[in-house]
Amino acid sequence: MGSGWFKGPRTLPLILAFLSDEKLTAGRDTSRVHLELMARHMDGGVIEIGNEADHAYAAGRYFSAANSAF
């Protein structure tokens, strides 16, 4: 298990700003999803998704058990 840190590019704030710009992303802020995936990256080039609901929650996508749509 990692120490809680991840290597991120120096341009990360700029990249996240572009990913959250509604004009560029058809009204969807995808920055939190990308940040969640980068935080789980372990330098191997592959991100292993253990529990989809945990990843969705960490990325700010909340849903109830009755409504399985994110």
Protein backbone atom coordinates (compact mmCIF):
# COMPACT_ATOMS: atom_id res chain seq x y z
CA MET A 1 0.00 0.00 0.00
CA GLY A 2 1.23 3.49 -0.77
CA SER A 3 2.07 6.24 1.66
CA GLY A 4 -0.84 8.45 0.62
CA TRP A 5 1.09 10.47 -1.96
CA PHE A 6 1.11 10.32 -5.73
CA LYS A 7 3.35 11.81 -8.37
CA GLY A 8 1.50 14.49 -10.26
CA PRO A 9 2.64 16.71 -13.08
CA ARG A 10 3.49 20.32 -12.32
CA THR A 11 0.75 21.26 -14.77
CA LEU A 12 -1.94 19.43 -12.75
CA PRO A 13 -3.81 22.61 -11.69
CA LEU A 14 -3.99 23.74 -15.33
CA ILE A 15 -5.15 20.31 -16.50
CA LEU A 16 -7.85 20.17 -13.81
CA ALA A 17 -8.99 23.68 -14.74
CA PHE A 18 -9.47 22.57 -18.36
CA LEU A 19 -11.30 19.42 -17.24
CA SER A 20 -13.70 21.48 -15.12
CA ASP A 21 -14.42 24.09 -17.81
CA GLU A 22 -18.02 23.48 -18.85
CA LYS A 23 -17.44 24.98 -22.30
CA LEU A 24 -14.77 22.39 -23.09
CA THR A 25 -16.42 19.35 -21.49
CA ALA A 26 -20.04 19.67 -22.65
CA GLY A 27 -21.23 20.88 -19.24
CA ARG A 28 -19.60 18.09 -17.23
CA ASP A 29 -16.91 18.68 -14.62
CA THR A 30 -14.63 15.67 -15.02
CA SER A 31 -11.74 17.01 -12.93
CA ARG A 32 -12.67 15.09 -9.76
CA VAL A 33 -12.88 11.81 -11.64
CA HIS A 34 -9.45 12.32 -13.19
CA LEU A 35 -7.95 13.38 -9.85
CA GLU A 36 -9.40 10.26 -8.17
CA LEU A 37 -7.87 8.04 -10.87
CA MET A 38 -4.49 9.79 -10.62
CA ALA A 39 -4.52 9.40 -6.83
CA ARG A 40 -4.96 5.62 -7.23
CA HIS A 41 -2.25 5.28 -9.86
CA MET A 42 0.75 3.33 -8.52
CA ASP A 43 3.33 4.03 -11.27
CA GLY A 44 2.43 0.85 -13.10
CA GLY A 45 0.38 2.39 -15.89
CA VAL A 46 -2.73 0.50 -14.79
CA ILE A 47 -5.39 1.60 -12.33
CA GLU A 48 -7.13 -1.30 -10.62
CA ILE A 49 -10.78 -0.63 -9.80
CA GLY A 50 -11.67 -2.68 -6.74
CA ASN A 51 -15.11 -1.34 -5.88
CA GLU A 52 -16.79 0.94 -8.40
CA ALA A 53 -19.03 2.54 -5.77
CA ASP A 54 -16.00 3.54 -3.65
CA HIS A 55 -14.33 5.17 -6.66
CA ALA A 56 -17.54 6.94 -7.64
CA TYR A 57 -18.00 8.26 -4.09
CA ALA A 58 -14.39 9.48 -3.92
CA ALA A 59 -14.90 11.29 -7.24
CA GLY A 60 -18.03 13.03 -5.94
CA ARG A 61 -20.62 10.86 -7.66
CA TYR A 62 -23.26 10.05 -5.05
CA PHE A 63 -26.07 7.61 -5.63
CA SER A 64 -28.45 5.51 -3.59
CA ALA A 65 -28.81 1.75 -3.71
CA ALA A 66 -32.30 2.20 -5.16
CA ASN A 67 -30.95 4.29 -8.01
CA SER A 68 -27.96 2.59 -9.58
CA ALA A 69 -27.40 5.39 -12.08
CA PHE A 70 -24.51 7.67 -11.32
